[in-house]
N, C-alpha and C. Protein backbone atom coordinates (compact mmCIF):
# COMPACT_ATOMS: atom_id res chain seq x y z
N MET A 1 0.85 -1.18 0.00
CA MET A 1 0.00 0.00 0.00
C MET A 1 0.89 1.24 0.00
N ASN A 2 0.54 2.23 -0.82
CA ASN A 2 1.39 3.42 -0.84
C ASN A 2 1.14 4.29 0.40
N THR A 3 2.09 5.15 0.68
CA THR A 3 2.05 5.94 1.91
C THR A 3 0.84 6.86 1.97
N ASP A 4 0.50 7.53 0.87
CA ASP A 4 -0.67 8.43 0.88
C ASP A 4 -1.93 7.68 1.32
N ARG A 5 -2.14 6.52 0.73
CA ARG A 5 -3.34 5.75 1.04
C ARG A 5 -3.33 5.28 2.50
N LEU A 6 -2.19 4.81 2.97
CA LEU A 6 -2.06 4.34 4.35
C LEU A 6 -2.36 5.48 5.34
N ILE A 7 -1.80 6.65 5.08
CA ILE A 7 -2.03 7.79 5.98
C ILE A 7 -3.49 8.23 5.91
N ARG A 8 -4.06 8.28 4.74
CA ARG A 8 -5.48 8.67 4.63
C ARG A 8 -6.39 7.68 5.36
N GLN A 9 -6.10 6.40 5.26
CA GLN A 9 -6.89 5.40 5.99
C GLN A 9 -6.75 5.59 7.49
N THR A 10 -5.54 5.83 7.96
CA THR A 10 -5.29 6.01 9.38
C THR A 10 -5.96 7.27 9.90
N LEU A 11 -6.00 8.32 9.09
CA LEU A 11 -6.66 9.56 9.51
C LEU A 11 -8.14 9.36 9.82
N ARG A 12 -8.76 8.34 9.27
CA ARG A 12 -10.18 8.06 9.56
C ARG A 12 -10.40 7.68 11.02
N GLN A 13 -9.33 7.30 11.72
CA GLN A 13 -9.41 6.90 13.12
C GLN A 13 -8.68 7.88 14.04
N THR A 14 -8.16 8.95 13.50
CA THR A 14 -7.24 9.83 14.23
C THR A 14 -7.98 10.95 14.96
N VAL A 15 -7.60 11.14 16.22
CA VAL A 15 -8.14 12.20 17.06
C VAL A 15 -7.36 13.50 16.85
N SER A 16 -6.02 13.37 16.80
CA SER A 16 -5.16 14.55 16.62
C SER A 16 -3.85 14.12 15.98
N ILE A 17 -3.13 15.11 15.46
CA ILE A 17 -1.80 14.89 14.91
C ILE A 17 -0.83 15.77 15.69
N ALA A 18 0.40 15.29 15.86
CA ALA A 18 1.40 16.00 16.65
C ALA A 18 2.74 15.99 15.92
N PHE A 19 3.48 17.07 16.10
CA PHE A 19 4.79 17.23 15.45
C PHE A 19 5.70 17.96 16.41
N ASP A 20 6.90 17.42 16.64
CA ASP A 20 7.83 18.04 17.57
C ASP A 20 8.59 19.22 16.97
N GLY A 21 8.31 19.55 15.70
CA GLY A 21 8.98 20.66 15.04
C GLY A 21 10.28 20.25 14.36
N CYS A 22 10.63 18.97 14.48
CA CYS A 22 11.87 18.49 13.88
C CYS A 22 11.64 17.18 13.11
N HIS A 23 11.52 16.05 13.83
CA HIS A 23 11.45 14.78 13.11
C HIS A 23 10.37 13.81 13.58
N LYS A 24 9.72 14.04 14.70
CA LYS A 24 8.71 13.13 15.23
C LYS A 24 7.31 13.61 14.85
N ILE A 25 6.58 12.76 14.12
CA ILE A 25 5.20 13.06 13.73
C ILE A 25 4.32 11.89 14.16
N TYR A 26 3.23 12.21 14.87
CA TYR A 26 2.34 11.18 15.41
C TYR A 26 0.90 11.43 14.98
N LEU A 27 0.21 10.34 14.69
CA LEU A 27 -1.24 10.36 14.51
C LEU A 27 -1.81 9.68 15.75
N ASN A 28 -2.47 10.44 16.61
CA ASN A 28 -3.00 9.95 17.88
C ASN A 28 -4.38 9.36 17.64
N LEU A 29 -4.52 8.07 17.93
CA LEU A 29 -5.73 7.35 17.56
C LEU A 29 -6.80 7.32 18.64
N ASP A 30 -6.51 7.92 19.80
CA ASP A 30 -7.54 7.98 20.84
C ASP A 30 -7.29 9.19 21.74
N GLU A 31 -8.29 9.51 22.54
CA GLU A 31 -8.21 10.71 23.39
C GLU A 31 -7.09 10.61 24.42
N GLU A 32 -6.80 9.40 24.90
CA GLU A 32 -5.73 9.24 25.88
C GLU A 32 -4.38 9.63 25.28
N GLN A 33 -4.14 9.24 24.04
CA GLN A 33 -2.87 9.62 23.40
C GLN A 33 -2.82 11.12 23.14
N ASP A 34 -3.95 11.70 22.75
CA ASP A 34 -4.01 13.15 22.57
C ASP A 34 -3.64 13.85 23.88
N ALA A 35 -4.22 13.41 24.98
CA ALA A 35 -3.93 14.00 26.30
C ALA A 35 -2.47 13.79 26.69
N ARG A 36 -1.94 12.62 26.40
CA ARG A 36 -0.53 12.34 26.71
C ARG A 36 0.39 13.28 25.94
N MET A 37 0.11 13.52 24.67
CA MET A 37 0.94 14.44 23.89
C MET A 37 0.89 15.85 24.49
N ARG A 38 -0.29 16.25 24.95
CA ARG A 38 -0.42 17.56 25.60
C ARG A 38 0.42 17.60 26.88
N GLU A 39 0.38 16.52 27.66
CA GLU A 39 1.19 16.44 28.89
C GLU A 39 2.68 16.53 28.57
N TRP A 40 3.09 15.95 27.46
CA TRP A 40 4.50 15.98 27.06
C TRP A 40 4.90 17.30 26.43
N GLY A 41 3.96 18.24 26.31
CA GLY A 41 4.29 19.57 25.83
C GLY A 41 4.06 19.81 24.35
N TYR A 42 3.50 18.83 23.64
CA TYR A 42 3.19 19.08 22.24
C TYR A 42 2.14 20.18 22.16
N GLY A 43 2.35 21.10 21.24
CA GLY A 43 1.50 22.27 21.13
C GLY A 43 2.13 23.49 21.77
N ASP A 44 3.27 23.29 22.44
CA ASP A 44 4.00 24.38 23.09
C ASP A 44 5.41 24.47 22.50
N ASP A 45 6.05 25.60 22.67
CA ASP A 45 7.48 25.76 22.37
C ASP A 45 7.91 25.24 21.00
N GLY A 46 7.19 25.61 19.96
CA GLY A 46 7.60 25.26 18.61
C GLY A 46 7.11 23.90 18.13
N SER A 47 6.43 23.15 18.99
CA SER A 47 5.84 21.89 18.53
C SER A 47 4.38 22.14 18.19
N PHE A 48 3.74 21.16 17.61
CA PHE A 48 2.38 21.34 17.11
C PHE A 48 1.49 20.18 17.54
N LEU A 49 0.24 20.48 17.86
CA LEU A 49 -0.76 19.47 18.16
C LEU A 49 -2.08 19.99 17.60
N VAL A 50 -2.65 19.25 16.65
CA VAL A 50 -3.83 19.71 15.92
C VAL A 50 -4.91 18.63 15.99
N LYS A 51 -6.10 19.00 16.41
CA LYS A 51 -7.24 18.08 16.39
C LYS A 51 -7.64 17.81 14.94
N VAL A 52 -8.09 16.60 14.67
CA VAL A 52 -8.53 16.21 13.33
C VAL A 52 -10.06 16.15 13.33
N LYS A 53 -10.67 16.96 12.49
CA LYS A 53 -12.13 16.90 12.33
C LYS A 53 -12.45 15.70 11.45
N GLN A 54 -13.37 14.88 11.91
CA GLN A 54 -13.73 13.66 11.17
C GLN A 54 -14.79 13.94 10.10
N THR A 55 -14.37 14.78 9.16
CA THR A 55 -15.12 15.04 7.94
C THR A 55 -14.12 14.85 6.80
N GLU A 56 -14.60 14.71 5.59
CA GLU A 56 -13.69 14.55 4.46
C GLU A 56 -12.74 15.75 4.36
N LYS A 57 -13.29 16.95 4.52
CA LYS A 57 -12.48 18.17 4.45
C LYS A 57 -11.48 18.23 5.62
N GLY A 58 -11.93 17.85 6.81
CA GLY A 58 -11.05 17.86 7.99
C GLY A 58 -9.89 16.90 7.84
N ARG A 59 -10.18 15.70 7.35
CA ARG A 59 -9.11 14.71 7.15
C ARG A 59 -8.15 15.15 6.05
N GLU A 60 -8.67 15.75 4.99
CA GLU A 60 -7.79 16.23 3.92
C GLU A 60 -6.89 17.36 4.41
N LYS A 61 -7.45 18.24 5.25
CA LYS A 61 -6.63 19.31 5.83
C LYS A 61 -5.52 18.71 6.71
N ALA A 62 -5.86 17.69 7.49
CA ALA A 62 -4.85 17.02 8.33
C ALA A 62 -3.78 16.36 7.46
N PHE A 63 -4.20 15.72 6.37
CA PHE A 63 -3.25 15.09 5.45
C PHE A 63 -2.28 16.14 4.90
N ASP A 64 -2.81 17.28 4.46
CA ASP A 64 -1.97 18.35 3.92
C ASP A 64 -1.00 18.88 4.99
N THR A 65 -1.49 18.99 6.22
CA THR A 65 -0.63 19.45 7.32
C THR A 65 0.49 18.45 7.58
N LEU A 66 0.17 17.16 7.60
CA LEU A 66 1.20 16.14 7.79
C LEU A 66 2.26 16.22 6.70
N ARG A 67 1.82 16.37 5.46
CA ARG A 67 2.76 16.46 4.34
C ARG A 67 3.66 17.69 4.50
N GLU A 68 3.07 18.80 4.89
CA GLU A 68 3.85 20.03 5.11
C GLU A 68 4.88 19.83 6.22
N TRP A 69 4.45 19.25 7.34
CA TRP A 69 5.37 18.99 8.45
C TRP A 69 6.50 18.08 8.00
N TYR A 70 6.16 16.99 7.33
CA TYR A 70 7.17 16.03 6.89
C TYR A 70 8.16 16.70 5.95
N ASP A 71 7.68 17.45 4.99
CA ASP A 71 8.56 18.11 4.03
C ASP A 71 9.43 19.18 4.68
N SER A 72 8.94 19.80 5.76
CA SER A 72 9.71 20.85 6.43
C SER A 72 10.79 20.28 7.35
N ALA A 73 10.75 19.00 7.61
CA ALA A 73 11.66 18.39 8.59
C ALA A 73 12.95 17.88 7.96
N THR A 74 13.23 18.20 6.72
CA THR A 74 14.39 17.63 6.04
C THR A 74 15.71 18.05 6.68
N ASP A 75 15.76 19.20 7.34
CA ASP A 75 17.00 19.64 7.99
C ASP A 75 17.33 18.79 9.22
N CYS A 76 16.32 18.20 9.83
CA CYS A 76 16.54 17.38 11.03
C CYS A 76 17.01 15.97 10.67
N GLY A 77 16.57 15.47 9.55
CA GLY A 77 16.92 14.12 9.16
C GLY A 77 16.19 13.09 10.01
N LEU A 78 16.11 11.89 9.50
CA LEU A 78 15.50 10.76 10.20
C LEU A 78 14.08 11.02 10.68
N GLN A 79 13.33 11.84 9.93
CA GLN A 79 11.94 12.05 10.32
C GLN A 79 11.15 10.77 10.15
N PHE A 80 10.08 10.64 10.95
CA PHE A 80 9.22 9.47 10.86
C PHE A 80 7.80 9.86 11.17
N ILE A 81 6.87 8.99 10.77
CA ILE A 81 5.45 9.17 11.09
C ILE A 81 4.96 7.87 11.71
N ASN A 82 4.43 7.96 12.93
CA ASN A 82 3.86 6.81 13.63
C ASN A 82 2.42 7.11 14.00
N SER A 83 1.60 6.08 13.97
CA SER A 83 0.30 6.18 14.63
C SER A 83 0.50 5.60 16.02
N VAL A 84 -0.32 6.06 16.97
CA VAL A 84 -0.19 5.55 18.33
C VAL A 84 -1.58 5.46 18.96
N ARG A 85 -1.83 4.30 19.59
CA ARG A 85 -3.08 4.08 20.31
C ARG A 85 -2.74 3.54 21.70
N THR A 86 -3.66 3.69 22.61
CA THR A 86 -3.46 3.22 23.97
C THR A 86 -3.63 1.70 24.02
N THR A 87 -2.63 1.04 24.59
CA THR A 87 -2.64 -0.41 24.77
C THR A 87 -2.12 -0.71 26.17
N PRO A 88 -2.37 -1.93 26.70
CA PRO A 88 -1.85 -2.27 28.03
C PRO A 88 -0.32 -2.10 28.11
N ASN A 89 0.39 -2.52 27.08
CA ASN A 89 1.83 -2.28 27.01
C ASN A 89 2.02 -1.09 26.06
N PRO A 90 2.40 0.08 26.59
CA PRO A 90 2.49 1.29 25.76
C PRO A 90 3.33 1.13 24.50
N ASN A 91 4.37 0.30 24.54
CA ASN A 91 5.22 0.13 23.36
C ASN A 91 4.50 -0.58 22.23
N ASP A 92 3.45 -1.33 22.54
CA ASP A 92 2.70 -2.05 21.51
C ASP A 92 1.75 -1.13 20.73
N GLY A 93 1.54 0.09 21.21
CA GLY A 93 0.59 0.99 20.59
C GLY A 93 1.11 1.75 19.38
N TYR A 94 2.40 1.66 19.11
CA TYR A 94 3.01 2.41 18.01
C TYR A 94 3.06 1.58 16.74
N ILE A 95 2.62 2.17 15.64
CA ILE A 95 2.72 1.54 14.33
C ILE A 95 3.40 2.54 13.40
N SER A 96 4.45 2.09 12.74
CA SER A 96 5.19 2.96 11.84
C SER A 96 4.46 3.08 10.51
N LEU A 97 4.21 4.33 10.11
CA LEU A 97 3.61 4.61 8.81
C LEU A 97 4.68 5.01 7.80
N VAL A 98 5.67 5.76 8.27
CA VAL A 98 6.88 6.07 7.50
C VAL A 98 8.05 5.83 8.46
N GLU A 99 8.82 4.81 8.17
CA GLU A 99 9.94 4.43 9.03
C GLU A 99 10.99 5.53 9.10
N GLN A 100 11.66 5.60 10.24
CA GLN A 100 12.76 6.55 10.37
C GLN A 100 13.84 6.18 9.35
N GLY A 101 14.27 7.16 8.58
CA GLY A 101 15.28 6.92 7.55
C GLY A 101 14.69 6.51 6.20
N ASP A 102 13.38 6.25 6.17
CA ASP A 102 12.71 5.92 4.92
C ASP A 102 12.14 7.23 4.36
N TYR A 103 11.36 7.16 3.30
CA TYR A 103 10.80 8.35 2.69
C TYR A 103 9.32 8.17 2.44
N TRP A 104 8.59 9.26 2.56
CA TRP A 104 7.16 9.28 2.20
C TRP A 104 7.10 9.17 0.69
N ARG A 105 6.52 8.12 0.20
CA ARG A 105 6.44 7.90 -1.25
C ARG A 105 5.06 8.11 -1.74
């Protein structure tokens, strides 16, 4: 599956998107992950946290924002995009959509 399609499918389940301003991009799949990103300071000090409206227009706007963030992160190198959902073992909740060191195709 190509990256555009994978990200668009994932956005159908996404509560918010987060970007550290350099190389970490997350699609938060539940309210708990959204709250956790806020606790970690996303949305402050040059990082970004944006709610995703679950409409076709809202998801397309989120897709465009993700693309912009990803393209702007080239100076940092090793950018990645992960989706994250709450699971009993927090490490199991991460799914790589664009691997670190790979490219959005």
